[in-house]
Amino acid sequence: MSIPAPAPLVLECDELCTFVMRHTHQLWIWLAMDRHTRKIVSCFMGRRDAISAFGLWEGLPTPYLDAVCHTDRLGAYKGVVFGALHRIGGTQHMERFNATLRVRLAHLVRKTLSFSRKQANLELLIWLFLHRYNASLP
């Protein structure tokens, strides 16, 4: 009797925008989710550019560096996810998680006065939420 091969790792990556201090100072939250376990395996906060995409990629645990990665059409991903590992579309679970973040954390609600005054406080809030979310999964 042979042992079945493990399922290939699949990531869904996306970013969402919020504000710090004022509505003109944008901060992008980059997230990578394991499609099968629904765990958030990497998070990076910065601008919406190739440097932040690389920051998200650097934060991935080693096994995920060879995972198939589903993203939106943002060109910044092309610099870190190469060739056949990069797929456009298929980010439904990640988009749903972003909606959950916006509902649960008042700092991320769009077009509101409830945004963070300090980036460090927002980052701590996001990290605590992600830790609790991952711990709640089976």
N, C-alpha and C. Protein backbone atom coordinates (compact mmCIF):
# COMPACT_ATOMS: atom_id res chain seq x y z
N MET A 1 0.84 -1.17 0.00
CA MET A 1 0.00 0.00 0.00
C MET A 1 0.90 1.24 0.00
N SER A 2 0.67 2.11 -0.96
CA SER A 2 1.51 3.29 -1.06
C SER A 2 0.85 4.47 -0.36
N ILE A 3 1.68 5.33 0.13
CA ILE A 3 1.21 6.54 0.80
C ILE A 3 0.95 7.59 -0.27
N PRO A 4 -0.24 8.21 -0.25
CA PRO A 4 -0.52 9.22 -1.27
C PRO A 4 0.38 10.44 -1.11
N ALA A 5 0.71 11.03 -2.22
CA ALA A 5 1.56 12.23 -2.20
C ALA A 5 0.79 13.39 -1.57
N PRO A 6 1.47 14.22 -0.80
CA PRO A 6 0.77 15.36 -0.21
C PRO A 6 0.28 16.32 -1.29
N ALA A 7 -0.82 16.99 -1.00
CA ALA A 7 -1.37 17.96 -1.95
C ALA A 7 -0.39 19.10 -2.14
N PRO A 8 -0.26 19.60 -3.35
CA PRO A 8 0.66 20.72 -3.55
C PRO A 8 0.18 21.96 -2.79
N LEU A 9 1.12 22.74 -2.32
CA LEU A 9 0.78 23.96 -1.58
C LEU A 9 0.28 25.02 -2.56
N VAL A 10 -0.80 25.67 -2.17
CA VAL A 10 -1.39 26.73 -2.99
C VAL A 10 -1.62 27.95 -2.11
N LEU A 11 -1.16 29.09 -2.59
CA LEU A 11 -1.33 30.36 -1.87
C LEU A 11 -2.31 31.26 -2.61
N GLU A 12 -3.01 32.06 -1.84
CA GLU A 12 -3.80 33.16 -2.39
C GLU A 12 -3.23 34.43 -1.77
N CYS A 13 -2.86 35.38 -2.60
CA CYS A 13 -2.26 36.63 -2.11
C CYS A 13 -3.10 37.82 -2.56
N ASP A 14 -3.23 38.78 -1.66
CA ASP A 14 -3.97 40.00 -1.99
C ASP A 14 -3.53 41.10 -1.04
N GLU A 15 -3.93 42.31 -1.34
CA GLU A 15 -3.59 43.46 -0.52
C GLU A 15 -4.85 44.29 -0.31
N LEU A 16 -4.90 44.98 0.84
CA LEU A 16 -6.00 45.90 1.09
C LEU A 16 -5.44 47.19 1.65
N CYS A 17 -6.19 48.26 1.42
CA CYS A 17 -5.72 49.60 1.74
C CYS A 17 -6.40 50.13 3.00
N THR A 18 -5.63 50.85 3.79
CA THR A 18 -6.17 51.59 4.92
C THR A 18 -5.38 52.89 5.04
N PHE A 19 -5.66 53.66 6.06
CA PHE A 19 -5.02 54.96 6.23
C PHE A 19 -4.40 55.06 7.62
N VAL A 20 -3.34 55.84 7.70
CA VAL A 20 -2.69 56.14 8.98
C VAL A 20 -2.53 57.65 9.07
N MET A 21 -2.96 58.23 10.17
CA MET A 21 -2.86 59.66 10.48
C MET A 21 -3.87 60.51 9.68
N ARG A 22 -3.93 60.35 8.37
CA ARG A 22 -4.87 61.12 7.55
C ARG A 22 -5.21 60.29 6.30
N HIS A 23 -6.26 60.69 5.63
CA HIS A 23 -6.72 59.92 4.47
C HIS A 23 -5.77 59.98 3.28
N THR A 24 -4.83 60.85 3.31
CA THR A 24 -3.87 60.91 2.21
C THR A 24 -2.66 60.01 2.42
N HIS A 25 -2.50 59.46 3.62
CA HIS A 25 -1.36 58.58 3.92
C HIS A 25 -1.85 57.14 3.92
N GLN A 26 -1.71 56.48 2.77
CA GLN A 26 -2.19 55.11 2.62
C GLN A 26 -1.18 54.09 3.13
N LEU A 27 -1.71 53.02 3.70
CA LEU A 27 -0.90 51.87 4.11
C LEU A 27 -1.58 50.63 3.52
N TRP A 28 -0.80 49.82 2.85
CA TRP A 28 -1.34 48.61 2.23
C TRP A 28 -0.95 47.41 3.07
N ILE A 29 -1.93 46.56 3.34
CA ILE A 29 -1.72 45.32 4.10
C ILE A 29 -1.69 44.18 3.09
N TRP A 30 -0.54 43.56 2.95
CA TRP A 30 -0.34 42.45 2.01
C TRP A 30 -0.47 41.15 2.79
N LEU A 31 -1.28 40.22 2.28
CA LEU A 31 -1.52 38.96 2.97
C LEU A 31 -1.36 37.78 2.02
N ALA A 32 -0.88 36.67 2.56
CA ALA A 32 -0.79 35.41 1.83
C ALA A 32 -1.49 34.34 2.67
N MET A 33 -2.43 33.62 2.04
CA MET A 33 -3.23 32.61 2.72
C MET A 33 -2.99 31.24 2.08
N ASP A 34 -2.82 30.23 2.91
CA ASP A 34 -2.77 28.85 2.43
C ASP A 34 -4.20 28.45 2.05
N ARG A 35 -4.41 28.11 0.80
CA ARG A 35 -5.77 27.83 0.32
C ARG A 35 -6.40 26.64 1.03
N HIS A 36 -5.63 25.62 1.38
CA HIS A 36 -6.20 24.41 1.97
C HIS A 36 -6.50 24.55 3.45
N THR A 37 -5.62 25.18 4.21
CA THR A 37 -5.82 25.31 5.65
C THR A 37 -6.48 26.62 6.03
N ARG A 38 -6.49 27.60 5.12
CA ARG A 38 -7.04 28.94 5.33
C ARG A 38 -6.22 29.78 6.31
N LYS A 39 -5.03 29.31 6.67
CA LYS A 39 -4.17 30.08 7.57
C LYS A 39 -3.47 31.19 6.80
N ILE A 40 -3.29 32.31 7.49
CA ILE A 40 -2.51 33.41 6.94
C ILE A 40 -1.05 33.08 7.23
N VAL A 41 -0.27 32.88 6.18
CA VAL A 41 1.11 32.43 6.36
C VAL A 41 2.13 33.55 6.21
N SER A 42 1.70 34.71 5.71
CA SER A 42 2.62 35.84 5.62
C SER A 42 1.81 37.14 5.59
N CYS A 43 2.40 38.17 6.15
CA CYS A 43 1.78 39.49 6.17
C CYS A 43 2.88 40.54 6.07
N PHE A 44 2.62 41.57 5.30
CA PHE A 44 3.57 42.67 5.18
C PHE A 44 2.77 43.96 5.06
N MET A 45 3.22 45.02 5.68
CA MET A 45 2.54 46.30 5.60
C MET A 45 3.49 47.34 5.02
N GLY A 46 3.01 48.01 3.98
CA GLY A 46 3.84 49.01 3.31
C GLY A 46 3.08 49.66 2.18
N ARG A 47 3.80 50.02 1.13
CA ARG A 47 3.20 50.66 -0.02
C ARG A 47 2.70 49.60 -1.00
N ARG A 48 2.05 50.05 -2.04
CA ARG A 48 1.56 49.11 -3.07
C ARG A 48 2.57 49.12 -4.22
N ASP A 49 3.70 48.44 -3.98
CA ASP A 49 4.77 48.42 -4.97
C ASP A 49 5.53 47.10 -4.90
N ALA A 50 6.53 46.97 -5.76
CA ALA A 50 7.29 45.72 -5.85
C ALA A 50 8.09 45.44 -4.58
N ILE A 51 8.52 46.47 -3.88
CA ILE A 51 9.29 46.27 -2.65
C ILE A 51 8.41 45.60 -1.59
N SER A 52 7.17 46.02 -1.49
CA SER A 52 6.25 45.40 -0.52
C SER A 52 5.89 43.98 -0.94
N ALA A 53 5.74 43.74 -2.24
CA ALA A 53 5.48 42.38 -2.72
C ALA A 53 6.64 41.46 -2.32
N PHE A 54 7.86 41.97 -2.45
CA PHE A 54 9.03 41.21 -2.04
C PHE A 54 9.03 40.98 -0.53
N GLY A 55 8.60 41.99 0.24
CA GLY A 55 8.50 41.83 1.70
C GLY A 55 7.52 40.73 2.09
N LEU A 56 6.38 40.67 1.39
CA LEU A 56 5.43 39.59 1.63
C LEU A 56 6.06 38.25 1.31
N TRP A 57 6.76 38.17 0.19
CA TRP A 57 7.38 36.92 -0.25
C TRP A 57 8.48 36.50 0.71
N GLU A 58 9.25 37.44 1.22
CA GLU A 58 10.32 37.13 2.19
C GLU A 58 9.77 36.56 3.48
N GLY A 59 8.55 36.96 3.85
CA GLY A 59 7.95 36.50 5.09
C GLY A 59 7.35 35.10 5.03
N LEU A 60 7.33 34.51 3.84
CA LEU A 60 6.75 33.16 3.71
C LEU A 60 7.64 32.11 4.35
N PRO A 61 7.04 31.13 5.03
CA PRO A 61 7.83 29.99 5.50
C PRO A 61 8.42 29.24 4.30
N THR A 62 9.54 28.60 4.48
CA THR A 62 10.28 27.95 3.40
C THR A 62 9.45 27.02 2.52
N PRO A 63 8.57 26.16 3.06
CA PRO A 63 7.82 25.26 2.16
C PRO A 63 6.95 26.00 1.14
N TYR A 64 6.55 27.22 1.44
CA TYR A 64 5.65 27.95 0.55
C TYR A 64 6.37 28.65 -0.59
N LEU A 65 7.68 28.65 -0.59
CA LEU A 65 8.41 29.32 -1.66
C LEU A 65 8.23 28.63 -3.00
N ASP A 66 7.83 27.36 -3.00
CA ASP A 66 7.57 26.62 -4.23
C ASP A 66 6.09 26.40 -4.47
N ALA A 67 5.23 27.13 -3.78
CA ALA A 67 3.78 26.96 -3.90
C ALA A 67 3.25 27.68 -5.14
N VAL A 68 2.16 27.16 -5.67
CA VAL A 68 1.44 27.88 -6.72
C VAL A 68 0.78 29.08 -6.06
N CYS A 69 0.90 30.24 -6.66
CA CYS A 69 0.44 31.48 -6.04
C CYS A 69 -0.61 32.16 -6.92
N HIS A 70 -1.82 32.31 -6.39
CA HIS A 70 -2.90 32.99 -7.08
C HIS A 70 -2.94 34.44 -6.61
N THR A 71 -2.95 35.38 -7.55
CA THR A 71 -2.96 36.80 -7.22
C THR A 71 -3.93 37.53 -8.13
N ASP A 72 -4.08 38.83 -7.87
CA ASP A 72 -4.84 39.67 -8.79
C ASP A 72 -3.89 40.11 -9.91
N ARG A 73 -4.28 41.05 -10.69
CA ARG A 73 -3.47 41.48 -11.84
C ARG A 73 -2.39 42.51 -11.51
N LEU A 74 -2.14 42.75 -10.24
CA LEU A 74 -1.13 43.73 -9.85
C LEU A 74 0.25 43.30 -10.35
N GLY A 75 0.90 44.16 -11.08
CA GLY A 75 2.19 43.84 -11.69
C GLY A 75 3.31 43.58 -10.69
N ALA A 76 3.18 44.06 -9.46
CA ALA A 76 4.24 43.88 -8.47
C ALA A 76 4.50 42.41 -8.16
N TYR A 77 3.50 41.57 -8.30
CA TYR A 77 3.68 40.14 -8.01
C TYR A 77 4.59 39.46 -9.03
N LYS A 78 4.64 39.97 -10.23
CA LYS A 78 5.43 39.33 -11.29
C LYS A 78 6.92 39.32 -10.98
N GLY A 79 7.36 40.24 -10.12
CA GLY A 79 8.76 40.30 -9.76
C GLY A 79 9.18 39.29 -8.70
N VAL A 80 8.20 38.65 -8.03
CA VAL A 80 8.54 37.71 -6.96
C VAL A 80 7.99 36.31 -7.19
N VAL A 81 6.93 36.17 -7.97
CA VAL A 81 6.36 34.86 -8.27
C VAL A 81 6.64 34.59 -9.74
N PHE A 82 7.40 33.55 -10.02
CA PHE A 82 7.89 33.35 -11.37
C PHE A 82 7.18 32.22 -12.11
N GLY A 83 7.05 32.41 -13.41
CA GLY A 83 6.63 31.38 -14.34
C GLY A 83 5.33 30.69 -14.01
N ALA A 84 5.38 29.37 -14.05
CA ALA A 84 4.19 28.54 -13.89
C ALA A 84 3.63 28.58 -12.47
N LEU A 85 4.38 29.10 -11.52
CA LEU A 85 3.88 29.18 -10.15
C LEU A 85 2.89 30.32 -9.97
N HIS A 86 2.86 31.27 -10.90
CA HIS A 86 1.99 32.44 -10.78
C HIS A 86 0.71 32.24 -11.58
N ARG A 87 -0.42 32.41 -10.92
CA ARG A 87 -1.72 32.32 -11.57
C ARG A 87 -2.51 33.59 -11.27
N ILE A 88 -3.17 34.13 -12.28
CA ILE A 88 -4.04 35.30 -12.11
C ILE A 88 -5.44 34.81 -11.78
N GLY A 89 -6.04 35.37 -10.74
CA GLY A 89 -7.41 34.98 -10.35
C GLY A 89 -7.38 33.89 -9.30
N GLY A 90 -8.56 33.47 -8.88
CA GLY A 90 -8.65 32.40 -7.88
C GLY A 90 -8.33 32.87 -6.48
N THR A 91 -8.69 34.11 -6.15
CA THR A 91 -8.38 34.66 -4.82
C THR A 91 -9.64 34.85 -3.98
N GLN A 92 -10.67 34.04 -4.22
CA GLN A 92 -11.95 34.23 -3.53
C GLN A 92 -11.82 34.13 -2.01
N HIS A 93 -11.06 33.17 -1.52
CA HIS A 93 -10.92 32.99 -0.07
C HIS A 93 -10.20 34.18 0.56
N MET A 94 -9.18 34.67 -0.13
CA MET A 94 -8.44 35.82 0.38
C MET A 94 -9.30 37.07 0.38
N GLU A 95 -10.09 37.26 -0.67
CA GLU A 95 -10.99 38.42 -0.74
C GLU A 95 -12.02 38.36 0.38
N ARG A 96 -12.51 37.16 0.67
CA ARG A 96 -13.48 36.99 1.76
C ARG A 96 -12.83 37.33 3.09
N PHE A 97 -11.57 36.91 3.27
CA PHE A 97 -10.87 37.23 4.51
C PHE A 97 -10.67 38.74 4.65
N ASN A 98 -10.35 39.42 3.55
CA ASN A 98 -10.21 40.88 3.59
C ASN A 98 -11.51 41.53 4.03
N ALA A 99 -12.64 41.02 3.55
CA ALA A 99 -13.94 41.56 3.96
C ALA A 99 -14.16 41.32 5.46
N THR A 100 -13.75 40.16 5.95
CA THR A 100 -13.86 39.87 7.38
C THR A 100 -13.01 40.84 8.19
N LEU A 101 -11.81 41.11 7.73
CA LEU A 101 -10.95 42.08 8.42
C LEU A 101 -11.63 43.45 8.51
N ARG A 102 -12.21 43.89 7.42
CA ARG A 102 -12.87 45.20 7.40
C ARG A 102 -14.08 45.25 8.33
N VAL A 103 -14.80 44.13 8.45
CA VAL A 103 -15.97 44.08 9.33
C VAL A 103 -15.56 44.05 10.80
N ARG A 104 -14.53 43.29 11.11
CA ARG A 104 -14.15 43.08 12.51
C ARG A 104 -13.28 44.17 13.09
N LEU A 105 -12.52 44.87 12.25
CA LEU A 105 -11.60 45.90 12.75
C LEU A 105 -12.06 47.26 12.23
N ALA A 106 -12.52 48.09 13.14
CA ALA A 106 -13.06 49.40 12.76
C ALA A 106 -12.01 50.27 12.06
N HIS A 107 -10.75 50.05 12.33
CA HIS A 107 -9.68 50.84 11.72
C HIS A 107 -9.60 50.62 10.21
N LEU A 108 -10.17 49.52 9.72
CA LEU A 108 -10.06 49.20 8.30
C LEU A 108 -11.33 49.50 7.52
N VAL A 109 -12.36 50.01 8.19
CA VAL A 109 -13.60 50.33 7.49
C VAL A 109 -13.32 51.47 6.52
N ARG A 110 -13.86 51.38 5.33
CA ARG A 110 -13.63 52.41 4.32
C ARG A 110 -14.43 53.67 4.62
N LYS A 111 -13.88 54.79 4.24
CA LYS A 111 -14.55 56.09 4.33
C LYS A 111 -15.15 56.35 5.71
N THR A 112 -14.31 56.33 6.71
CA THR A 112 -14.74 56.56 8.07
C THR A 112 -13.73 57.44 8.79
N LEU A 113 -14.09 57.91 9.93
CA LEU A 113 -13.15 58.68 10.75
C LEU A 113 -12.37 57.77 11.70
N SER A 114 -12.68 56.50 11.69
CA SER A 114 -12.03 55.55 12.58
C SER A 114 -10.81 54.95 11.90
N PHE A 115 -9.72 55.68 11.90
CA PHE A 115 -8.47 55.12 11.39
C PHE A 115 -7.37 55.39 12.40
N SER A 116 -6.27 54.68 12.26
CA SER A 116 -5.20 54.74 13.25
C SER A 116 -4.42 56.05 13.17
N ARG A 117 -4.04 56.52 14.32
CA ARG A 117 -3.20 57.71 14.38
C ARG A 117 -1.72 57.34 14.29
N LYS A 118 -1.39 56.13 14.73
CA LYS A 118 -0.01 55.66 14.68
C LYS A 118 0.05 54.33 13.94
N GLN A 119 1.03 54.21 13.05
CA GLN A 119 1.19 52.99 12.27
C GLN A 119 1.54 51.80 13.16
N ALA A 120 2.33 52.02 14.19
CA ALA A 120 2.72 50.93 15.09
C ALA A 120 1.49 50.32 15.78
N ASN A 121 0.53 51.15 16.16
CA ASN A 121 -0.69 50.63 16.80
C ASN A 121 -1.52 49.80 15.82
N LEU A 122 -1.63 50.27 14.59
CA LEU A 122 -2.37 49.52 13.57
C LEU A 122 -1.69 48.18 13.29
N GLU A 123 -0.38 48.20 13.16
CA GLU A 123 0.36 46.96 12.89
C GLU A 123 0.15 45.95 14.02
N LEU A 124 0.20 46.41 15.26
CA LEU A 124 -0.03 45.53 16.40
C LEU A 124 -1.44 44.95 16.37
N LEU A 125 -2.41 45.77 16.07
CA LEU A 125 -3.80 45.32 15.97
C LEU A 125 -3.96 44.24 14.90
N ILE A 126 -3.36 44.45 13.75
CA ILE A 126 -3.44 43.48 12.65
C ILE A 126 -2.76 42.17 13.05
N TRP A 127 -1.55 42.25 13.61
CA TRP A 127 -0.82 41.04 14.00
C TRP A 127 -1.59 40.25 15.06
N LEU A 128 -2.18 40.93 16.03
CA LEU A 128 -2.96 40.24 17.05
C LEU A 128 -4.19 39.55 16.45
N PHE A 129 -4.85 40.24 15.52
CA PHE A 129 -6.02 39.64 14.87
C PHE A 129 -5.61 38.40 14.07
N LEU A 130 -4.52 38.50 13.31
CA LEU A 130 -4.07 37.36 12.51
C LEU A 130 -3.68 36.18 13.39
N HIS A 131 -3.01 36.46 14.50
CA HIS A 131 -2.61 35.39 15.41
C HIS A 131 -3.84 34.68 15.97
N ARG A 132 -4.82 35.45 16.40
CA ARG A 132 -6.05 34.86 16.95
C ARG A 132 -6.82 34.09 15.88
N TYR A 133 -6.88 34.63 14.67
CA TYR A 133 -7.57 33.97 13.55
C TYR A 133 -6.90 32.62 13.26
N ASN A 134 -5.58 32.61 13.12
CA ASN A 134 -4.87 31.35 12.82
C ASN A 134 -5.05 30.34 13.94
N ALA A 135 -5.04 30.80 15.20
CA ALA A 135 -5.21 29.90 16.35
C ALA A 135 -6.61 29.32 16.39
N SER A 136 -7.59 29.99 15.82
CA SER A 136 -8.96 29.50 15.87
C SER A 136 -9.26 28.43 14.82
N LEU A 137 -8.37 28.26 13.85
CA LEU A 137 -8.59 27.27 12.79
C LEU A 137 -8.28 25.86 13.29
N PRO A 138 -8.98 24.87 12.75
CA PRO A 138 -8.71 23.49 13.18
C PRO A 138 -7.36 23.00 12.71
